[in-house]
């Protein structure tokens, strides 16, 4: 068992944690939740040894192995995807080499009765036992299974790591962690770089993982499917309950209500005692009784009501101007990157007021088509656009284009026009930039803060077509709920690329799947799409079985 005992750490003049403790058991599946900046990622870094607490200690059992997936990762590896993944299993490869060497020695020796010969047999037996315990005999199949589960095609196993985007490099690092027999794995926002299919595969894998798991995530459904325990970080304290996320939320509300009722009841008792003391303290005949009540108050274990972090984004999109009925229509639209065909003769249309979700594996063209519709990328074929519409575009990487030397206020001041200039500070306040925070340089902002600032820029012109590419990455759960409600009320046309199933639920009325250069439309939200996918898979399986046995 890993024990975190009474640790405290300051950051930015305040406590991230103040004398907190956590015990991690062998079968624990722990979800860490809380607002951005409350210390969840810091806790993972402390456990992994990347940072040290100011007080308290972290006790690890002997030979306790930990795997860690950070939110962002830079690698200088030039190995192939397969070789880089295999490099995590050096201990198994070393055992395999030892087994081969011991076997070679036995073949060459003839002193079958000697002590040296028997020692080699003994070492070979021990190495073989450990090798099989670690699954060495099937390691190639395991590497292939995990890489394919995380979205790689077999043809991509030989690609160099230096050819991959940061998101795909993160997948390789995740594969290395999953393949290693760790006692505990720490995953910081593991779904940020995964598509829906890979997330579902990862859920299945983690459910049967032998070690303990600690996950920082803002994906409610992912947490519900994986975890059996939730720890909330709030204002320097931790609230730990043996429930997955959704049940934790219900139990926390009930706990707060009981706590408040007990607090109010205790305050009434104290007030009654104080009134008695005040009334009779001057009377000698009541001296012993008043003194007794003073002592009763002093001995009370005072109930404290938890502080709550009630700060959250507040915004709504301005009422959009009316656009033409047709927004976009494509005919034979194609897009290549060098020799790779991403979109192949795509044909579809979008009308005013539709709310559409793009889904599919990473690299299948969702972001590419979003950029084409936004006028950022060129293409082959035909794209007809409607009239009288103003388009707002938010990219998952848009935060990277913000000027790091500009302040928060200056970033918005550049795009604000007319009367909107008078509202800059109030709107920034709605995005949790208030007071001195508006003077912060963009370069010092967290990932979540940069995403909020990029989204804020969209409010300074009345758009009637929104294209949002992974808008919830780095958003905490409260901020995601606020954004979802604003999008539900948005009166214009919405196209959204996202892998967050809970966020998408009920938000869109049409789902477009991207697969092998083509698209397929499904009526309904993400849940209806996933349901249809299961049915289609069963139908395909059934027809395959029938054909096989004809």
Protein backbone atom coordinates (compact mmCIF):
# COMPACT_ATOMS: atom_id res chain seq x y z
CA UNK A 1 0.00 0.00 0.00
CA UNK A 2 1.18 3.53 -0.83
CA UNK A 3 0.71 6.06 1.98
CA UNK A 4 0.65 9.83 1.56
CA UNK A 5 0.90 11.29 5.06
CA UNK A 6 0.08 14.86 6.10
CA UNK A 7 1.57 16.58 3.06
CA UNK A 8 1.30 20.31 2.44
CA UNK A 9 2.44 22.43 -0.47
CA UNK A 10 2.16 26.13 -1.32
CA UNK A 11 1.72 27.52 -4.79
CA UNK A 12 1.19 31.16 -5.74
CA UNK A 13 0.86 32.32 -2.15
CA UNK A 14 -1.83 29.80 -1.17
CA UNK A 15 -2.08 26.20 -0.05
CA UNK A 16 -2.73 23.67 -2.77
CA UNK A 17 -2.95 21.07 0.02
CA UNK A 18 -2.83 21.61 3.73
CA UNK A 19 -1.95 18.53 5.82
CA UNK A 20 -3.73 15.98 3.61
CA UNK A 21 -3.36 12.18 3.59
CA UNK A 22 -4.27 9.42 1.10
CA UNK A 23 -3.82 5.65 1.28
CA UNK A 24 -3.78 3.78 -2.06
CA UNK A 25 -4.75 0.12 -1.88
CA UNK A 26 -3.98 -2.67 -4.32
CA UNK A 27 -7.34 -2.70 -6.11
CA UNK A 28 -8.11 1.01 -5.93
CA UNK A 29 -9.41 2.81 -9.03
CA UNK A 30 -9.27 6.42 -7.88
CA UNK A 31 -10.64 9.41 -9.76
CA UNK A 32 -9.19 12.80 -8.81
CA UNK A 33 -11.64 15.62 -9.49
CA UNK A 34 -11.85 19.35 -8.78
CA UNK A 35 -11.51 22.74 -10.41
CA UNK A 36 -8.53 23.60 -12.59
CA UNK A 37 -5.64 24.68 -10.39
CA UNK A 38 -6.71 22.82 -7.24
CA UNK A 39 -3.65 20.54 -7.30
CA UNK A 40 -4.73 17.28 -8.95
CA UNK A 41 -1.84 17.17 -11.42
CA UNK A 42 0.54 18.31 -8.69
CA UNK A 43 -0.53 15.34 -6.55
CA UNK A 44 0.42 12.94 -9.36
CA UNK A 45 3.81 14.64 -9.73
CA UNK A 46 4.40 14.36 -5.98
CA UNK A 47 3.60 10.64 -6.00
CA UNK A 48 5.83 10.04 -9.02
CA UNK A 49 8.66 11.98 -7.42
CA UNK A 50 8.83 14.89 -9.86
CA UNK A 51 8.07 17.34 -7.05
CA UNK A 52 8.50 17.28 -3.26
CA UNK A 53 6.02 18.34 -0.55
CA UNK A 54 6.98 21.13 1.84
CA UNK A 55 5.93 18.96 4.76
CA UNK A 56 4.74 15.40 5.28
CA UNK A 57 5.97 12.34 3.42
CA UNK A 58 5.07 9.75 0.82
CA UNK A 59 5.84 6.15 1.78
CA UNK A 60 6.30 3.57 -0.97
CA UNK A 61 6.68 -0.19 -0.41
CA UNK A 62 9.94 -1.75 -1.52
CA UNK A 63 10.15 -2.41 -5.29
CA UNK A 64 6.90 -0.47 -5.82
CA UNK A 65 6.64 0.43 -9.53
CA UNK A 66 4.74 3.46 -10.78
CA UNK A 67 3.84 4.46 -14.35
CA UNK A 68 3.01 8.10 -15.10
CA UNK A 69 1.24 9.71 -18.07
CA UNK A 70 1.50 13.53 -17.96
CA UNK A 71 -0.88 15.89 -19.76
CA UNK A 72 1.83 16.94 -22.20
CA UNK A 73 4.94 15.07 -23.31
CA UNK A 74 7.92 15.88 -25.50
CA UNK A 75 10.08 13.10 -26.88
CA UNK A 76 13.26 13.16 -28.94
CA UNK A 77 13.03 9.49 -29.90
CA UNK A 78 13.76 8.47 -33.48
CA UNK A 79 12.76 4.84 -32.91
CA UNK A 80 9.83 3.27 -34.70
CA UNK A 81 6.46 3.17 -32.95
CA UNK A 82 6.89 -0.56 -32.28
CA UNK A 83 10.49 -0.32 -31.05
CA UNK A 84 9.68 2.62 -28.78
CA UNK A 85 6.78 0.69 -27.26
CA UNK A 86 8.93 -2.42 -26.85
CA UNK A 87 11.62 -0.36 -25.06
CA UNK A 88 9.37 -0.25 -21.98
CA UNK A 89 9.87 -4.00 -21.66
CA UNK A 90 13.64 -4.04 -21.36
CA UNK A 91 13.45 -6.31 -18.32
CA UNK A 92 11.62 -8.94 -20.36
CA UNK A 93 14.07 -8.64 -23.27
CA UNK A 94 16.94 -8.96 -20.77
CA UNK A 95 15.37 -12.13 -19.36
CA UNK A 96 14.91 -13.50 -22.87
CA UNK A 97 18.61 -12.88 -23.61
CA UNK A 98 19.59 -14.57 -20.35
CA UNK A 99 17.44 -17.61 -21.17
CA UNK A 100 19.04 -17.86 -24.60
CA UNK A 101 22.52 -17.57 -23.10
CA UNK A 102 21.86 -20.22 -20.42
CA UNK A 103 20.42 -22.53 -23.09
CA UNK A 104 23.49 -22.01 -25.28
CA UNK A 105 25.79 -22.82 -22.37
CA UNK A 106 23.91 -26.04 -21.60
CA UNK A 107 24.16 -27.17 -25.23
CA UNK A 108 27.92 -26.68 -25.24
CA UNK A 109 28.67 -28.35 -21.90
CA UNK A 110 29.02 -32.08 -21.25
CA UNK A 111 29.73 -32.04 -17.49
CA UNK A 112 26.16 -33.03 -16.74
CA UNK A 113 26.81 -34.05 -13.13
CA UNK A 114 28.88 -31.01 -12.09
CA UNK A 115 27.73 -28.29 -9.69
CA UNK A 116 28.29 -25.62 -12.36
CA UNK A 117 25.98 -27.43 -14.78
CA UNK A 118 23.27 -27.70 -12.12
CA UNK A 119 23.62 -23.98 -11.27
CA UNK A 120 23.04 -23.05 -14.93
CA UNK A 121 19.90 -25.24 -14.98
CA UNK A 122 18.72 -23.54 -11.81
CA UNK A 123 19.30 -20.05 -13.24
CA UNK A 124 17.58 -21.03 -16.48
CA UNK A 125 14.58 -22.31 -14.53
CA UNK A 126 14.33 -19.13 -12.44
CA UNK A 127 14.67 -16.83 -15.46
CA UNK A 128 12.08 -18.87 -17.41
CA UNK A 129 9.63 -18.73 -14.51
CA UNK A 130 9.88 -14.94 -14.22
CA UNK A 131 9.74 -14.59 -18.01
CA UNK A 132 6.47 -16.52 -18.21
CA UNK A 133 5.05 -14.71 -15.16
CA UNK A 134 5.61 -11.40 -16.96
CA UNK A 135 3.97 -12.73 -20.12
CA UNK A 136 7.19 -12.75 -22.12
CA UNK A 137 6.05 -15.59 -24.34
CA UNK A 138 3.22 -13.47 -25.77
CA UNK A 139 4.76 -9.99 -25.60
CA UNK A 140 4.66 -9.36 -29.37
CA UNK A 141 0.95 -10.10 -29.43
CA UNK A 142 0.40 -7.85 -26.39
CA UNK A 143 2.26 -4.93 -27.98
CA UNK A 144 0.20 -5.31 -31.13
CA UNK A 145 -3.07 -5.54 -29.18
CA UNK A 146 -2.39 -2.39 -27.16
CA UNK A 147 -1.16 -0.31 -30.11
CA UNK A 148 -4.17 -1.28 -32.22
CA UNK A 149 -6.48 -0.64 -29.27
CA UNK A 150 -5.06 2.86 -28.98
CA UNK A 151 -5.76 3.57 -32.63
CA UNK A 152 -2.61 2.59 -34.55
CA UNK A 153 -2.82 0.63 -37.80
CA UNK A 154 -0.31 -2.20 -38.26
CA UNK A 155 1.21 -0.30 -41.17
CA UNK A 156 2.07 2.53 -38.76
CA UNK A 157 4.16 0.37 -36.40
CA UNK A 158 7.26 1.13 -38.47
CA UNK A 159 6.73 4.91 -38.52
CA UNK A 160 9.33 6.98 -36.70
CA UNK A 161 8.33 8.65 -33.43
CA UNK A 162 9.68 11.93 -34.84
CA UNK A 163 7.01 11.75 -37.58
CA UNK A 164 4.12 11.66 -35.10
CA UNK A 165 2.13 14.56 -33.65
CA UNK A 166 2.24 15.17 -29.92
CA UNK A 167 -1.10 13.41 -29.47
CA UNK A 168 0.07 10.22 -31.18
CA UNK A 169 3.34 10.28 -29.25
CA UNK A 170 1.25 10.41 -26.08
CA UNK A 171 -0.53 7.25 -27.23
CA UNK A 172 2.79 5.43 -27.56
CA UNK A 173 3.76 6.54 -24.06
CA UNK A 174 0.39 5.34 -22.75
CA UNK A 175 0.95 1.97 -24.48
CA UNK A 176 4.31 1.63 -22.72
CA UNK A 177 2.67 2.27 -19.34
CA UNK A 178 -0.15 -0.23 -19.97
CA UNK A 179 2.27 -2.95 -21.03
CA UNK A 180 4.51 -2.56 -17.98
CA UNK A 181 3.54 -4.44 -14.82
CA UNK A 182 3.23 -1.39 -12.55
CA UNK A 183 1.82 -1.48 -9.04
CA UNK A 184 0.22 1.92 -9.67
CA UNK A 185 -0.41 3.93 -12.82
CA UNK A 186 -1.01 7.68 -12.72
CA UNK A 187 -2.98 9.04 -15.68
CA UNK A 188 -3.35 12.81 -16.12
CA UNK A 189 -6.20 13.53 -18.55
CA UNK A 190 -5.59 10.34 -20.59
CA UNK A 191 -8.61 10.87 -22.87
CA UNK A 192 -7.51 14.30 -24.15
CA UNK A 193 -5.62 12.75 -27.06
CA UNK A 194 -7.93 9.76 -27.71
CA UNK A 195 -10.92 9.33 -29.98
CA UNK A 196 -14.14 7.69 -28.79
CA UNK A 197 -13.20 4.19 -30.03
CA UNK A 198 -9.83 4.31 -28.25
CA UNK A 199 -11.45 5.62 -25.06
CA UNK A 200 -13.88 2.70 -25.04
CA UNK A 201 -11.00 0.25 -25.59
CA UNK A 202 -9.00 1.87 -22.76
CA UNK A 203 -11.98 1.55 -20.40
CA UNK A 204 -12.17 -2.19 -21.04
CA UNK A 205 -8.40 -2.58 -20.56
CA UNK A 206 -8.30 -0.64 -17.29
CA UNK A 207 -11.21 -2.56 -15.79
CA UNK A 208 -9.09 -5.71 -15.68
CA UNK A 209 -5.74 -4.05 -14.90
CA UNK A 210 -3.98 -5.82 -12.04
CA UNK A 211 -2.47 -2.77 -10.31
CA UNK A 212 -3.98 0.32 -8.72
CA UNK A 213 -5.02 3.27 -10.89
CA UNK A 214 -5.21 7.00 -10.14
CA UNK A 215 -6.83 9.16 -12.83
CA UNK A 216 -7.17 12.92 -13.22
CA UNK A 217 -10.04 13.46 -15.64
CA UNK A 218 -12.91 15.79 -16.45
CA UNK A 219 -14.67 13.06 -18.44
CA UNK A 220 -17.58 12.02 -16.21
CA UNK A 221 -18.50 8.90 -18.15
CA UNK A 222 -14.90 7.68 -18.29
CA UNK A 223 -14.61 8.07 -14.51
CA UNK A 224 -17.94 6.31 -13.91
CA UNK A 225 -16.85 3.37 -16.06
CA UNK A 226 -13.42 2.94 -14.43
CA UNK A 227 -13.28 4.17 -10.84
CA UNK A 228 -14.53 2.78 -7.53
CA UNK A 229 -13.34 5.73 -5.43
CA UNK A 230 -13.35 9.52 -5.89
CA UNK A 231 -11.25 12.21 -4.24
CA UNK A 232 -12.30 15.83 -4.70
CA UNK A 233 -9.74 18.64 -4.38
CA UNK A 234 -11.24 21.87 -3.09
CA UNK A 235 -9.66 24.89 -1.37
CA UNK A 236 -6.69 22.98 0.04
CA UNK A 237 -8.72 20.03 1.34
CA UNK A 238 -9.54 16.56 0.04
CA UNK A 239 -12.91 14.80 0.21
CA UNK A 240 -12.53 11.04 -0.24
CA UNK A 241 -15.45 8.61 -0.77
CA UNK A 242 -15.61 4.97 -2.02
CA UNK A 243 -17.82 5.76 -5.03
CA UNK A 244 -17.42 6.44 -8.76
CA UNK A 245 -17.98 10.02 -9.87
CA UNK A 246 -21.78 10.24 -10.27
CA UNK A 247 -22.56 8.53 -6.96
CA UNK A 248 -19.85 10.60 -5.28
CA UNK A 249 -21.59 13.81 -6.40
CA UNK A 250 -24.90 12.64 -4.90
CA UNK A 251 -23.27 11.53 -1.65
CA UNK A 252 -21.31 14.78 -1.35
CA UNK A 253 -24.51 16.81 -1.61
CA UNK A 254 -26.16 14.64 1.06
CA UNK A 255 -23.05 14.93 3.25
CA UNK A 256 -23.06 18.72 2.97
CA UNK A 257 -26.76 18.87 3.85
CA UNK A 258 -26.23 16.70 6.96
CA UNK A 259 -23.18 18.73 7.90
CA UNK A 260 -25.10 22.00 7.56
CA UNK A 261 -28.03 20.64 9.61
CA UNK A 262 -25.66 19.47 12.37
CA UNK A 263 -23.87 22.84 12.30
CA UNK A 264 -27.15 24.77 12.60
CA UNK A 265 -28.33 22.51 15.42
CA UNK A 266 -25.06 23.00 17.31
CA UNK A 267 -25.22 26.77 16.84
CA UNK A 268 -28.73 26.77 18.34
CA UNK A 269 -27.46 24.82 21.36
CA UNK A 270 -24.55 27.23 21.81
CA UNK A 271 -26.89 30.24 21.53
CA UNK A 272 -29.21 28.78 24.20
CA UNK A 273 -26.29 28.16 26.56
CA UNK A 274 -24.91 31.66 25.96
CA UNK A 275 -28.30 33.24 26.66
CA UNK A 276 -28.51 31.34 29.96
CA UNK A 277 -24.95 32.40 30.90
CA UNK A 278 -25.62 36.04 30.00
CA UNK A 279 -28.87 36.06 31.98
CA UNK A 280 -27.63 34.46 35.21
CA UNK A 281 -23.89 35.19 35.32
CA UNK A 282 -24.38 38.06 37.82
CA UNK A 283 -26.42 35.95 40.25
CA UNK A 284 -24.35 34.17 42.89
CA UNK A 285 -26.92 31.39 43.32
CA UNK A 286 -26.45 30.44 39.62
CA UNK A 287 -22.65 30.75 39.58
CA UNK A 288 -21.93 27.01 39.51
CA UNK A 289 -24.58 26.36 36.85
CA UNK A 290 -23.35 29.17 34.59
CA UNK A 291 -19.75 28.00 35.00
CA UNK A 292 -20.84 24.46 34.12
CA UNK A 293 -22.39 25.68 30.88
CA UNK A 294 -19.30 27.68 29.99
CA UNK A 295 -17.28 24.46 30.34
CA UNK A 296 -19.81 22.55 28.21
CA UNK A 297 -19.33 25.06 25.38
CA UNK A 298 -15.54 24.89 25.72
CA UNK A 299 -15.59 21.08 25.50
CA UNK A 300 -17.74 20.99 22.37
CA UNK A 301 -16.18 19.66 19.16
CA UNK A 302 -17.22 22.53 16.97
CA UNK A 303 -18.70 21.52 13.62
CA UNK A 304 -17.27 23.43 10.68
CA UNK A 305 -19.14 23.98 7.44
CA UNK A 306 -17.01 23.30 4.35
CA UNK A 307 -16.04 26.25 2.24
CA UNK A 308 -17.18 25.92 -1.36
CA UNK A 309 -15.51 27.12 -4.52
CA UNK A 310 -18.50 28.69 -6.24
CA UNK A 311 -16.56 30.46 -8.99
CA UNK A 312 -17.53 29.41 -12.50
CA UNK A 313 -17.73 30.80 -16.00
CA UNK A 314 -20.85 32.76 -16.80
CA UNK A 315 -21.64 33.55 -20.41
CA UNK A 316 -24.09 33.15 -23.24
CA UNK A 317 -23.61 33.64 -26.95
CA UNK A 318 -25.13 36.85 -28.36
CA UNK A 319 -28.29 36.43 -30.43
CA UNK A 320 -26.99 35.70 -33.93
CA UNK A 321 -28.09 37.47 -37.12
CA UNK A 322 -30.27 35.35 -39.40
CA UNK A 323 -28.37 33.50 -42.10
CA UNK A 324 -29.49 31.85 -45.33
CA UNK A 325 -31.14 28.42 -45.06
CA UNK A 326 -28.14 26.68 -46.66
CA UNK A 327 -24.93 26.98 -44.69
CA UNK A 328 -22.57 24.53 -46.45
CA UNK A 329 -22.89 22.06 -49.29
CA UNK A 330 -20.00 19.98 -50.67
CA UNK A 331 -19.66 18.01 -53.88
CA UNK A 332 -16.78 15.63 -54.55
CA UNK A 333 -14.70 17.37 -51.89
CA UNK A 334 -11.28 15.77 -51.39
CA UNK A 335 -8.16 16.60 -49.41
CA UNK A 336 -4.65 15.18 -49.56
CA UNK A 337 -1.61 15.74 -47.42
CA UNK A 338 1.24 14.88 -49.79
CA UNK A 339 0.38 11.34 -50.94
CA UNK A 340 -2.10 10.58 -48.15
CA UNK A 341 -5.78 10.91 -49.09
CA UNK A 342 -7.68 12.17 -46.01
CA UNK A 343 -11.08 13.04 -47.52
CA UNK A 344 -12.30 11.26 -50.63
CA UNK A 345 -15.18 12.82 -52.62
CA UNK A 346 -17.15 13.96 -49.58
CA UNK A 347 -20.75 15.05 -50.20
CA UNK A 348 -22.98 16.50 -47.51
CA UNK A 349 -24.93 19.62 -46.60
CA UNK A 350 -25.63 21.64 -43.45
CA UNK A 351 -28.67 23.86 -42.99
CA UNK A 352 -29.38 26.79 -40.69
CA UNK A 353 -29.89 25.84 -37.05
CA UNK A 354 -28.49 22.29 -37.30
CA UNK A 355 -26.24 21.05 -34.51
CA UNK A 356 -23.85 18.42 -35.80
CA UNK A 357 -21.07 16.37 -34.24
CA UNK A 358 -18.05 15.03 -36.13
CA UNK A 359 -16.71 11.73 -34.72
CA UNK A 360 -14.16 9.13 -35.76
CA UNK A 361 -10.61 8.05 -35.09
CA UNK A 362 -7.90 10.68 -34.95
CA UNK A 363 -6.43 11.31 -38.37
CA UNK A 364 -9.63 10.44 -40.25
CA UNK A 365 -10.32 14.04 -41.32
CA UNK A 366 -12.60 15.61 -38.69
CA UNK A 367 -10.34 18.57 -37.96
CA UNK A 368 -9.34 18.78 -41.61
CA UNK A 369 -12.94 19.24 -42.78
CA UNK A 370 -13.55 21.71 -39.93
CA UNK A 371 -10.64 23.83 -41.18
CA UNK A 372 -11.87 23.59 -44.78
CA UNK A 373 -15.31 24.83 -43.75
CA UNK A 374 -13.67 27.60 -41.73
CA UNK A 375 -11.72 28.71 -44.82
CA UNK A 376 -8.31 27.77 -43.40
CA UNK A 377 -7.34 24.90 -45.74
CA UNK A 378 -7.52 24.50 -49.50
CA UNK A 379 -9.12 21.43 -51.08
CA UNK A 380 -10.23 19.78 -54.32
CA UNK A 381 -13.88 19.69 -55.35
CA UNK A 382 -16.74 22.05 -54.61
CA UNK A 383 -17.81 23.81 -51.42
CA UNK A 384 -20.83 26.13 -51.61
CA UNK A 385 -21.35 28.49 -48.68
CA UNK A 386 -24.55 30.28 -47.74
CA UNK A 387 -25.01 34.00 -47.35
CA UNK A 388 -25.40 36.38 -44.42
CA UNK A 389 -23.45 34.30 -41.96
CA UNK A 390 -20.59 35.16 -39.66
CA UNK A 391 -18.41 32.22 -38.69
CA UNK A 392 -16.65 31.67 -35.39
CA UNK A 393 -13.94 28.99 -35.25
CA UNK A 394 -12.29 27.46 -32.18
CA UNK A 395 -9.46 24.97 -32.60
CA UNK A 396 -8.07 22.56 -30.03
CA UNK A 397 -4.66 24.12 -30.80
CA UNK A 398 -5.89 27.70 -31.10
CA UNK A 399 -4.58 28.56 -27.65
CA UNK A 400 -1.08 28.00 -29.04
CA UNK A 401 -1.57 30.94 -31.45
CA UNK A 402 -2.19 33.44 -28.63
CA UNK A 403 0.59 35.98 -28.18
CA UNK A 404 2.39 34.92 -24.97
CA UNK A 405 3.69 38.47 -24.40
CA UNK A 406 0.23 40.08 -24.47
CA UNK A 407 -1.91 40.42 -21.38
CA UNK A 408 -5.34 38.85 -21.07
CA UNK A 409 -6.96 42.26 -21.46
CA UNK A 410 -4.84 43.20 -24.50
CA UNK A 411 -5.74 39.89 -26.20
CA UNK A 412 -9.45 40.72 -26.06
CA UNK A 413 -9.01 44.46 -26.61
CA UNK A 414 -7.59 43.74 -30.07
CA UNK A 415 -10.77 41.99 -31.27
CA UNK A 416 -13.42 44.06 -29.45
CA UNK A 417 -15.25 46.66 -31.49
CA UNK A 418 -17.82 49.38 -30.86
CA UNK A 419 -19.89 49.09 -27.68
CA UNK A 420 -18.36 45.68 -26.95
CA UNK A 421 -15.17 47.46 -25.84
CA UNK A 422 -17.07 48.75 -22.81
CA UNK A 423 -17.90 45.18 -21.80
CA UNK A 424 -14.39 43.68 -21.96
CA UNK A 425 -13.84 43.53 -18.20
CA UNK A 426 -17.31 42.22 -17.39
CA UNK A 427 -17.10 39.47 -20.04
CA UNK A 428 -13.59 38.52 -18.93
CA UNK A 429 -14.99 38.27 -15.40
CA UNK A 430 -17.51 35.76 -16.73
CA UNK A 431 -14.55 33.67 -17.92
CA UNK A 432 -12.91 33.86 -14.45
CA UNK A 433 -10.47 36.63 -15.38
CA UNK A 434 -11.14 39.37 -12.86
CA UNK A 435 -9.13 41.93 -10.92
CA UNK A 436 -5.38 41.61 -11.49
CA UNK A 437 -5.90 38.41 -13.54
CA UNK A 438 -6.71 40.54 -16.62
CA UNK A 439 -3.14 41.86 -16.52
CA UNK A 440 -1.55 38.39 -16.56
CA UNK A 441 0.65 37.59 -19.53
CA UNK A 442 -0.78 34.86 -21.74
CA UNK A 443 2.52 32.96 -21.46
CA UNK A 444 1.96 32.23 -17.74
CA UNK A 445 -1.61 30.95 -18.12
CA UNK A 446 -2.51 27.29 -17.64
CA UNK A 447 -3.90 25.21 -20.49
CA UNK A 448 -7.44 25.65 -19.17
CA UNK A 449 -7.03 29.42 -18.85
CA UNK A 450 -5.73 29.72 -22.42
CA UNK A 451 -8.69 27.68 -23.70
CA UNK A 452 -11.11 29.93 -21.81
CA UNK A 453 -9.44 33.04 -23.24
CA UNK A 454 -9.59 31.66 -26.80
CA UNK A 455 -13.27 30.87 -26.36
CA UNK A 456 -13.91 34.32 -24.88
CA UNK A 457 -12.70 35.91 -28.12
CA UNK A 458 -15.67 34.34 -29.94
CA UNK A 459 -18.12 36.47 -27.96
CA UNK A 460 -16.87 39.74 -29.35
CA UNK A 461 -18.69 39.36 -32.64
CA UNK A 462 -22.24 38.05 -33.16
CA UNK A 463 -21.58 34.76 -35.00
CA UNK A 464 -24.36 32.57 -36.39
CA UNK A 465 -22.14 29.60 -37.36
CA UNK A 466 -19.85 28.03 -34.76
CA UNK A 467 -17.19 25.43 -35.58
CA UNK A 468 -15.61 24.07 -32.38
CA UNK A 469 -12.74 21.56 -32.52
CA UNK A 470 -12.25 19.83 -29.14
CA UNK A 471 -13.38 22.86 -27.09
CA UNK A 472 -13.46 21.03 -23.74
CA UNK A 473 -9.82 19.90 -23.52
CA UNK A 474 -8.38 21.36 -20.29
CA UNK A 475 -11.84 22.48 -19.07
CA UNK A 476 -12.97 21.36 -15.63
CA UNK A 477 -16.41 19.79 -15.19
CA UNK A 478 -18.18 22.96 -14.07
CA UNK A 479 -16.78 24.97 -17.00
CA UNK A 480 -17.80 22.19 -19.42
CA UNK A 481 -21.36 22.27 -18.06
CA UNK A 482 -21.51 26.07 -18.49
CA UNK A 483 -20.25 25.80 -22.08
CA UNK A 484 -22.71 23.02 -22.87
CA UNK A 485 -25.66 25.03 -21.55
CA UNK A 486 -24.54 28.05 -23.59
CA UNK A 487 -24.35 25.88 -26.74
CA UNK A 488 -27.77 24.39 -26.06
CA UNK A 489 -29.17 27.94 -26.00
CA UNK A 490 -27.17 29.04 -29.05
CA UNK A 491 -29.62 29.92 -31.84
CA UNK A 492 -27.20 29.53 -34.74
CA UNK A 493 -25.61 26.55 -36.51
CA UNK A 494 -23.14 24.38 -34.59
CA UNK A 495 -20.47 21.97 -35.86
CA UNK A 496 -18.47 20.36 -33.09
CA UNK A 497 -15.56 17.91 -33.02
CA UNK A 498 -15.34 16.16 -29.67
CA UNK A 499 -14.64 12.81 -28.01
CA UNK A 500 -16.32 13.74 -24.71
CA UNK A 501 -19.42 11.54 -24.66
CA UNK A 502 -21.03 13.15 -21.63
CA UNK A 503 -20.54 16.63 -23.09
CA UNK A 504 -22.02 15.58 -26.45
CA UNK A 505 -25.04 13.80 -24.96
CA UNK A 506 -28.18 15.71 -25.94
CA UNK A 507 -26.18 18.56 -27.51
CA UNK A 508 -26.39 17.60 -31.19
CA UNK A 509 -29.12 16.11 -33.38
CA UNK A 510 -26.91 14.63 -36.09
CA UNK A 511 -23.65 12.67 -35.92
CA UNK A 512 -21.24 12.35 -38.84
CA UNK A 513 -18.72 9.52 -38.69
CA UNK A 514 -15.38 9.83 -40.51
CA UNK A 515 -13.82 6.56 -41.64
CA UNK A 516 -11.26 5.72 -44.35
CA UNK A 517 -11.77 8.95 -46.27
CA UNK A 518 -15.55 8.74 -46.29
CA UNK A 519 -18.34 10.03 -44.05
CA UNK A 520 -21.62 8.51 -42.89
CA UNK A 521 -24.51 10.41 -41.33
CA UNK A 522 -26.51 9.21 -38.33
CA UNK A 523 -29.60 10.94 -36.99
CA UNK A 524 -29.40 11.54 -33.24
CA UNK A 525 -26.86 12.43 -30.58
CA UNK A 526 -23.74 10.54 -29.54
CA UNK A 527 -25.61 7.95 -27.47
CA UNK A 528 -27.84 7.01 -30.40
CA UNK A 529 -24.78 6.80 -32.64
CA UNK A 530 -22.94 4.48 -30.25
CA UNK A 531 -26.06 2.35 -29.87
CA UNK A 532 -26.40 2.00 -33.65
CA UNK A 533 -22.71 1.12 -33.91
CA UNK A 534 -23.20 -1.86 -31.60
CA UNK A 535 -26.21 -3.05 -33.57
CA UNK A 536 -24.35 -2.73 -36.88
CA UNK A 537 -21.39 -4.64 -35.45
CA UNK A 538 -23.67 -7.49 -34.37
CA UNK A 539 -25.33 -7.51 -37.78
CA UNK A 540 -21.94 -7.72 -39.47
CA UNK A 541 -20.87 -10.50 -37.13
CA UNK A 542 -24.09 -12.39 -37.79
CA UNK A 543 -23.75 -12.09 -41.57
CA UNK A 544 -20.09 -13.12 -41.37
CA UNK A 545 -21.09 -16.26 -39.45
CA UNK A 546 -23.78 -17.12 -41.96
CA UNK A 547 -21.45 -16.69 -44.93
CA UNK A 548 -18.69 -18.66 -43.24
CA UNK A 549 -20.81 -21.75 -42.75
CA UNK A 550 -22.63 -21.81 -46.08
